[in-house]
């Protein structure tokens, strides 16, 4: 596996899109660390408040070493 490390992936609030993202991580030999669903909310960035849609945040690790088959 590569040593790219962790990636944060935002996915719209749709189970089919989440499944596609998880499938892609698997195809790319990544490991899903966690999936968090966030409700619609207001966020403030640099003093400006904006609406944020609900959706998923997926953390994937692309830097894990392959397990040693001898163990």
PDB file of N, CA and C in Angstrom:
ATOM      1  N   UNK A   1       0.849  -1.177   0.000  1.00  0.00           N
ATOM      2  CA  UNK A   1       0.000   0.000   0.000  1.00  0.00           C
ATOM      3  C   UNK A   1       0.891   1.236   0.000  1.00  0.00           C
ATOM      4  N   UNK A   2       0.429   2.298  -0.546  1.00  0.00           N
ATOM      5  CA  UNK A   2       1.223   3.525  -0.613  1.00  0.00           C
ATOM      6  C   UNK A   2       1.314   4.183   0.751  1.00  0.00           C
ATOM      7  N   UNK A   3       2.148   5.202   0.836  1.00  0.00           N
ATOM      8  CA  UNK A   3       2.293   5.916   2.102  1.00  0.00           C
ATOM      9  C   UNK A   3       1.663   7.294   2.017  1.00  0.00           C
ATOM     10  N   UNK A   4       0.519   7.392   1.348  1.00  0.00           N
ATOM     11  CA  UNK A   4      -0.161   8.672   1.188  1.00  0.00           C
ATOM     12  C   UNK A   4      -0.763   9.179   2.493  1.00  0.00           C
ATOM     13  N   UNK A   5      -1.036   8.303   3.460  1.00  0.00           N
ATOM     14  CA  UNK A   5      -1.594   8.715   4.742  1.00  0.00           C
ATOM     15  C   UNK A   5      -3.105   8.832   4.721  1.00  0.00           C
ATOM     16  N   UNK A   6      -3.610   9.685   5.610  1.00  0.00           N
ATOM     17  CA  UNK A   6      -5.047   9.845   5.789  1.00  0.00           C
ATOM     18  C   UNK A   6      -5.639  10.799   4.758  1.00  0.00           C
ATOM     19  N   UNK A   7      -6.888  10.515   4.387  1.00  0.00           N
ATOM     20  CA  UNK A   7      -7.634  11.419   3.516  1.00  0.00           C
ATOM     21  C   UNK A   7      -9.003  11.653   4.126  1.00  0.00           C
ATOM     22  N   UNK A   8      -9.484  12.890   4.034  1.00  0.00           N
ATOM     23  CA  UNK A   8     -10.812  13.261   4.496  1.00  0.00           C
ATOM     24  C   UNK A   8     -11.670  13.457   3.251  1.00  0.00           C
ATOM     25  N   UNK A   9     -12.780  12.737   3.200  1.00  0.00           N
ATOM     26  CA  UNK A   9     -13.639  12.751   2.022  1.00  0.00           C
ATOM     27  C   UNK A   9     -15.033  13.192   2.448  1.00  0.00           C
ATOM     28  N   UNK A  10     -15.553  14.236   1.830  1.00  0.00           N
ATOM     29  CA  UNK A  10     -16.915  14.701   2.100  1.00  0.00           C
ATOM     30  C   UNK A  10     -17.858  14.076   1.081  1.00  0.00           C
ATOM     31  N   UNK A  11     -18.996  13.576   1.570  1.00  0.00           N
ATOM     32  CA  UNK A  11     -19.966  12.921   0.708  1.00  0.00           C
ATOM     33  C   UNK A  11     -21.338  13.519   0.998  1.00  0.00           C
ATOM     34  N   UNK A  12     -22.078  13.847  -0.055  1.00  0.00           N
ATOM     35  CA  UNK A  12     -23.436  14.380   0.116  1.00  0.00           C
ATOM     36  C   UNK A  12     -24.295  13.380   0.871  1.00  0.00           C
ATOM     37  N   UNK A  13     -25.357  13.855   1.478  1.00  0.00           N
ATOM     38  CA  UNK A  13     -26.233  13.044   2.318  1.00  0.00           C
ATOM     39  C   UNK A  13     -27.116  12.132   1.468  1.00  0.00           C
ATOM     40  N   UNK A  14     -26.502  11.093   0.920  1.00  0.00           N
ATOM     41  CA  UNK A  14     -27.188  10.132   0.064  1.00  0.00           C
ATOM     42  C   UNK A  14     -26.506   8.782   0.277  1.00  0.00           C
ATOM     43  N   UNK A  15     -27.213   7.775   0.779  1.00  0.00           N
ATOM     44  CA  UNK A  15     -26.593   6.479   1.041  1.00  0.00           C
ATOM     45  C   UNK A  15     -25.922   5.850  -0.185  1.00  0.00           C
ATOM     46  N   UNK A  16     -26.477   6.066  -1.375  1.00  0.00           N
ATOM     47  CA  UNK A  16     -25.853   5.511  -2.582  1.00  0.00           C
ATOM     48  C   UNK A  16     -24.494   6.158  -2.841  1.00  0.00           C
ATOM     49  N   UNK A  17     -24.407   7.479  -2.622  1.00  0.00           N
ATOM     50  CA  UNK A  17     -23.125   8.164  -2.805  1.00  0.00           C
ATOM     51  C   UNK A  17     -22.117   7.722  -1.753  1.00  0.00           C
ATOM     52  N   UNK A  18     -22.591   7.487  -0.541  1.00  0.00           N
ATOM     53  CA  UNK A  18     -21.707   6.985   0.509  1.00  0.00           C
ATOM     54  C   UNK A  18     -21.167   5.617   0.121  1.00  0.00           C
ATOM     55  N   UNK A  19     -22.035   4.738  -0.353  1.00  0.00           N
ATOM     56  CA  UNK A  19     -21.588   3.402  -0.768  1.00  0.00           C
ATOM     57  C   UNK A  19     -20.559   3.483  -1.883  1.00  0.00           C
ATOM     58  N   UNK A  20     -20.774   4.372  -2.842  1.00  0.00           N
ATOM     59  CA  UNK A  20     -19.805   4.549  -3.930  1.00  0.00           C
ATOM     60  C   UNK A  20     -18.457   5.009  -3.394  1.00  0.00           C
ATOM     61  N   UNK A  21     -18.465   5.944  -2.433  1.00  0.00           N
ATOM     62  CA  UNK A  21     -17.222   6.437  -1.846  1.00  0.00           C
ATOM     63  C   UNK A  21     -16.502   5.319  -1.101  1.00  0.00           C
ATOM     64  N   UNK A  22     -17.247   4.512  -0.347  1.00  0.00           N
ATOM     65  CA  UNK A  22     -16.629   3.402   0.386  1.00  0.00           C
ATOM     66  C   UNK A  22     -16.075   2.354  -0.573  1.00  0.00           C
ATOM     67  N   UNK A  23     -16.805   2.070  -1.645  1.00  0.00           N
ATOM     68  CA  UNK A  23     -16.315   1.131  -2.661  1.00  0.00           C
ATOM     69  C   UNK A  23     -15.023   1.637  -3.293  1.00  0.00           C
ATOM     70  N   UNK A  24     -14.959   2.934  -3.582  1.00  0.00           N
ATOM     71  CA  UNK A  24     -13.772   3.512  -4.206  1.00  0.00           C
ATOM     72  C   UNK A  24     -12.569   3.418  -3.269  1.00  0.00           C
ATOM     73  N   UNK A  25     -12.785   3.677  -1.990  1.00  0.00           N
ATOM     74  CA  UNK A  25     -11.695   3.555  -1.013  1.00  0.00           C
ATOM     75  C   UNK A  25     -11.159   2.129  -1.029  1.00  0.00           C
ATOM     76  N   UNK A  26     -12.055   1.152  -1.035  1.00  0.00           N
ATOM     77  CA  UNK A  26     -11.647  -0.248  -1.066  1.00  0.00           C
ATOM     78  C   UNK A  26     -10.875  -0.574  -2.341  1.00  0.00           C
ATOM     79  N   UNK A  27     -11.367  -0.110  -3.478  1.00  0.00           N
ATOM     80  CA  UNK A  27     -10.688  -0.353  -4.753  1.00  0.00           C
ATOM     81  C   UNK A  27      -9.296   0.257  -4.772  1.00  0.00           C
ATOM     82  N   UNK A  28      -9.133   1.381  -4.082  1.00  0.00           N
ATOM     83  CA  UNK A  28      -7.832   2.065  -4.024  1.00  0.00           C
ATOM     84  C   UNK A  28      -6.957   1.533  -2.897  1.00  0.00           C
ATOM     85  N   UNK A  29      -7.371   0.416  -2.304  1.00  0.00           N
ATOM     86  CA  UNK A  29      -6.648  -0.257  -1.227  1.00  0.00           C
ATOM     87  C   UNK A  29      -6.521   0.597   0.023  1.00  0.00           C
ATOM     88  N   UNK A  30      -7.516   1.418   0.265  1.00  0.00           N
ATOM     89  CA  UNK A  30      -7.554   2.199   1.493  1.00  0.00           C
ATOM     90  C   UNK A  30      -8.330   1.460   2.569  1.00  0.00           C
ATOM     91  N   UNK A  31      -8.208   1.959   3.784  1.00  0.00           N
ATOM     92  CA  UNK A  31      -8.921   1.400   4.925  1.00  0.00           C
ATOM     93  C   UNK A  31      -9.773   2.514   5.521  1.00  0.00           C
ATOM     94  N   UNK A  32     -11.065   2.256   5.684  1.00  0.00           N
ATOM     95  CA  UNK A  32     -11.951   3.248   6.289  1.00  0.00           C
ATOM     96  C   UNK A  32     -11.678   3.282   7.787  1.00  0.00           C
ATOM     97  N   UNK A  33     -11.370   4.461   8.295  1.00  0.00           N
ATOM     98  CA  UNK A  33     -11.112   4.644   9.723  1.00  0.00           C
ATOM     99  C   UNK A  33     -12.415   4.971  10.433  1.00  0.00           C
ATOM    100  N   UNK A  34     -13.187   5.910   9.876  1.00  0.00           N
ATOM    101  CA  UNK A  34     -14.459   6.288  10.488  1.00  0.00           C
ATOM    102  C   UNK A  34     -15.356   6.961   9.463  1.00  0.00           C
ATOM    103  N   UNK A  35     -16.669   6.901   9.733  1.00  0.00           N
ATOM    104  CA  UNK A  35     -17.669   7.614   8.943  1.00  0.00           C
ATOM    105  C   UNK A  35     -18.535   8.378   9.932  1.00  0.00           C
ATOM    106  N   UNK A  36     -18.693   9.666   9.705  1.00  0.00           N
ATOM    107  CA  UNK A  36     -19.495  10.514  10.580  1.00  0.00           C
ATOM    108  C   UNK A  36     -20.567  11.194   9.734  1.00  0.00           C
ATOM    109  N   UNK A  37     -21.799  11.157  10.213  1.00  0.00           N
ATOM    110  CA  UNK A  37     -22.869  11.890   9.552  1.00  0.00           C
ATOM    111  C   UNK A  37     -23.056  13.206  10.297  1.00  0.00           C
ATOM    112  N   UNK A  38     -23.161  14.305   9.553  1.00  0.00           N
ATOM    113  CA  UNK A  38     -23.377  15.618  10.149  1.00  0.00           C
ATOM    114  C   UNK A  38     -24.698  16.185   9.650  1.00  0.00           C
ATOM    115  N   UNK A  39     -25.530  16.695  10.564  1.00  0.00           N
ATOM    116  CA  UNK A  39     -26.799  17.295  10.153  1.00  0.00           C
ATOM    117  C   UNK A  39     -26.567  18.655   9.493  1.00  0.00           C
ATOM    118  N   UNK A  40     -27.602  19.165   8.838  1.00  0.00           N
ATOM    119  CA  UNK A  40     -27.526  20.528   8.293  1.00  0.00           C
ATOM    120  C   UNK A  40     -27.286  21.479   9.458  1.00  0.00           C
ATOM    121  N   UNK A  41     -26.492  22.506   9.232  1.00  0.00           N
ATOM    122  CA  UNK A  41     -26.095  23.398  10.313  1.00  0.00           C
ATOM    123  C   UNK A  41     -25.618  24.725   9.757  1.00  0.00           C
ATOM    124  N   UNK A  42     -25.353  25.659  10.647  1.00  0.00           N
ATOM    125  CA  UNK A  42     -24.729  26.933  10.296  1.00  0.00           C
ATOM    126  C   UNK A  42     -23.260  26.853  10.700  1.00  0.00           C
ATOM    127  N   UNK A  43     -22.363  27.240   9.818  1.00  0.00           N
ATOM    128  CA  UNK A  43     -20.935  27.270  10.140  1.00  0.00           C
ATOM    129  C   UNK A  43     -20.415  28.684   9.967  1.00  0.00           C
ATOM    130  N   UNK A  44     -19.452  29.044  10.789  1.00  0.00           N
ATOM    131  CA  UNK A  44     -18.847  30.366  10.698  1.00  0.00           C
ATOM    132  C   UNK A  44     -17.385  30.206  10.307  1.00  0.00           C
ATOM    133  N   UNK A  45     -17.017  30.847   9.214  1.00  0.00           N
ATOM    134  CA  UNK A  45     -15.649  30.824   8.715  1.00  0.00           C
ATOM    135  C   UNK A  45     -15.221  32.260   8.492  1.00  0.00           C
ATOM    136  N   UNK A  46     -14.126  32.640   9.128  1.00  0.00           N
ATOM    137  CA  UNK A  46     -13.591  34.001   9.006  1.00  0.00           C
ATOM    138  C   UNK A  46     -14.662  35.054   9.303  1.00  0.00           C
ATOM    139  N   UNK A  47     -15.472  34.776  10.333  1.00  0.00           N
ATOM    140  CA  UNK A  47     -16.478  35.740  10.747  1.00  0.00           C
ATOM    141  C   UNK A  47     -17.750  35.753   9.930  1.00  0.00           C
ATOM    142  N   UNK A  48     -17.838  34.910   8.914  1.00  0.00           N
ATOM    143  CA  UNK A  48     -19.025  34.872   8.054  1.00  0.00           C
ATOM    144  C   UNK A  48     -19.789  33.564   8.285  1.00  0.00           C
ATOM    145  N   UNK A  49     -21.072  33.658   8.596  1.00  0.00           N
ATOM    146  CA  UNK A  49     -21.890  32.475   8.858  1.00  0.00           C
ATOM    147  C   UNK A  49     -22.621  32.068   7.585  1.00  0.00           C
ATOM    148  N   UNK A  50     -22.527  30.754   7.298  1.00  0.00           N
ATOM    149  CA  UNK A  50     -23.148  30.208   6.089  1.00  0.00           C
ATOM    150  C   UNK A  50     -23.832  28.897   6.443  1.00  0.00           C
ATOM    151  N   UNK A  51     -24.857  28.516   5.673  1.00  0.00           N
ATOM    152  CA  UNK A  51     -25.473  27.207   5.909  1.00  0.00           C
ATOM    153  C   UNK A  51     -24.592  26.097   5.325  1.00  0.00           C
ATOM    154  N   UNK A  52     -24.582  24.961   6.003  1.00  0.00           N
ATOM    155  CA  UNK A  52     -23.871  23.782   5.501  1.00  0.00           C
ATOM    156  C   UNK A  52     -24.882  22.643   5.429  1.00  0.00           C
ATOM    157  N   UNK A  53     -24.917  21.952   4.310  1.00  0.00           N
ATOM    158  CA  UNK A  53     -25.845  20.843   4.120  1.00  0.00           C
ATOM    159  C   UNK A  53     -25.436  19.638   4.963  1.00  0.00           C
ATOM    160  N   UNK A  54     -26.387  18.760   5.219  1.00  0.00           N
ATOM    161  CA  UNK A  54     -26.062  17.521   5.913  1.00  0.00           C
ATOM    162  C   UNK A  54     -25.252  16.637   4.968  1.00  0.00           C
ATOM    163  N   UNK A  55     -24.508  15.724   5.540  1.00  0.00           N
ATOM    164  CA  UNK A  55     -23.701  14.821   4.735  1.00  0.00           C
ATOM    165  C   UNK A  55     -22.762  14.005   5.585  1.00  0.00           C
ATOM    166  N   UNK A  56     -21.943  13.227   4.924  1.00  0.00           N
ATOM    167  CA  UNK A  56     -21.004  12.329   5.576  1.00  0.00           C
ATOM    168  C   UNK A  56     -19.578  12.857   5.451  1.00  0.00           C
ATOM    169  N   UNK A  57     -18.788  12.572   6.469  1.00  0.00           N
ATOM    170  CA  UNK A  57     -17.351  12.797   6.416  1.00  0.00           C
ATOM    171  C   UNK A  57     -16.709  11.435   6.625  1.00  0.00           C
ATOM    172  N   UNK A  58     -15.888  11.026   5.678  1.00  0.00           N
ATOM    173  CA  UNK A  58     -15.229   9.726   5.733  1.00  0.00           C
ATOM    174  C   UNK A  58     -13.733   9.967   5.891  1.00  0.00           C
ATOM    175  N   UNK A  59     -13.131   9.277   6.866  1.00  0.00           N
ATOM    176  CA  UNK A  59     -11.684   9.320   7.042  1.00  0.00           C
ATOM    177  C   UNK A  59     -11.157   7.978   6.567  1.00  0.00           C
ATOM    178  N   UNK A  60     -10.207   8.009   5.640  1.00  0.00           N
ATOM    179  CA  UNK A  60      -9.617   6.787   5.104  1.00  0.00           C
ATOM    180  C   UNK A  60      -8.106   6.861   5.256  1.00  0.00           C
ATOM    181  N   UNK A  61      -7.495   5.705   5.487  1.00  0.00           N
ATOM    182  CA  UNK A  61      -6.045   5.619   5.627  1.00  0.00           C
ATOM    183  C   UNK A  61      -5.487   4.861   4.437  1.00  0.00           C
ATOM    184  N   UNK A  62      -4.596   5.514   3.721  1.00  0.00           N
ATOM    185  CA  UNK A  62      -3.937   4.886   2.569  1.00  0.00           C
ATOM    186  C   UNK A  62      -2.485   4.574   2.873  1.00  0.00           C
ATOM    187  N   UNK A  63      -2.090   4.643   4.141  1.00  0.00           N
ATOM    188  CA  UNK A  63      -0.687   4.439   4.492  1.00  0.00           C
ATOM    189  C   UNK A  63      -0.433   3.238   5.366  1.00  0.00           C
ATOM    190  N   UNK A  64      -1.459   2.414   5.625  1.00  0.00           N
ATOM    191  CA  UNK A  64      -1.243   1.237   6.457  1.00  0.00           C
ATOM    192  C   UNK A  64      -0.403   0.217   5.703  1.00  0.00           C
ATOM    193  N   UNK A  65       0.441  -0.467   6.440  1.00  0.00           N
ATOM    194  CA  UNK A  65       1.265  -1.514   5.840  1.00  0.00           C
ATOM    195  C   UNK A  65       0.425  -2.777   5.662  1.00  0.00           C
ATOM    196  N   UNK A  66       0.716  -3.530   4.622  1.00  0.00           N
ATOM    197  CA  UNK A  66       0.044  -4.800   4.426  1.00  0.00           C
ATOM    198  C   UNK A  66       0.438  -5.732   5.573  1.00  0.00           C
ATOM    199  N   UNK A  67      -0.513  -6.516   6.097  1.00  0.00           N
ATOM    200  CA  UNK A  67      -0.159  -7.452   7.169  1.00  0.00           C
ATOM    201  C   UNK A  67       0.825  -8.509   6.673  1.00  0.00           C
ATOM    202  N   UNK A  68       1.703  -8.921   7.565  1.00  0.00           N
ATOM    203  CA  UNK A  68       2.659  -9.973   7.243  1.00  0.00           C
ATOM    204  C   UNK A  68       1.933 -11.302   7.237  1.00  0.00           C
ATOM    205  N   UNK A  69       1.867 -12.003   6.109  1.00  0.00           N
ATOM    206  CA  UNK A  69       1.101 -13.250   6.038  1.00  0.00           C
ATOM    207  C   UNK A  69       1.681 -14.348   6.921  1.00  0.00           C
ATOM    208  N   UNK A  70       2.906 -14.175   7.384  1.00  0.00           N
ATOM    209  CA  UNK A  70       3.531 -15.195   8.239  1.00  0.00           C
ATOM    210  C   UNK A  70       3.063 -15.104   9.677  1.00  0.00           C
ATOM    211  N   UNK A  71       2.282 -14.062  10.017  1.00  0.00           N
ATOM    212  CA  UNK A  71       1.846 -13.899  11.419  1.00  0.00           C
ATOM    213  C   UNK A  71       0.373 -14.048  11.544  1.00  0.00           C
TER     214      UNK A  71
END
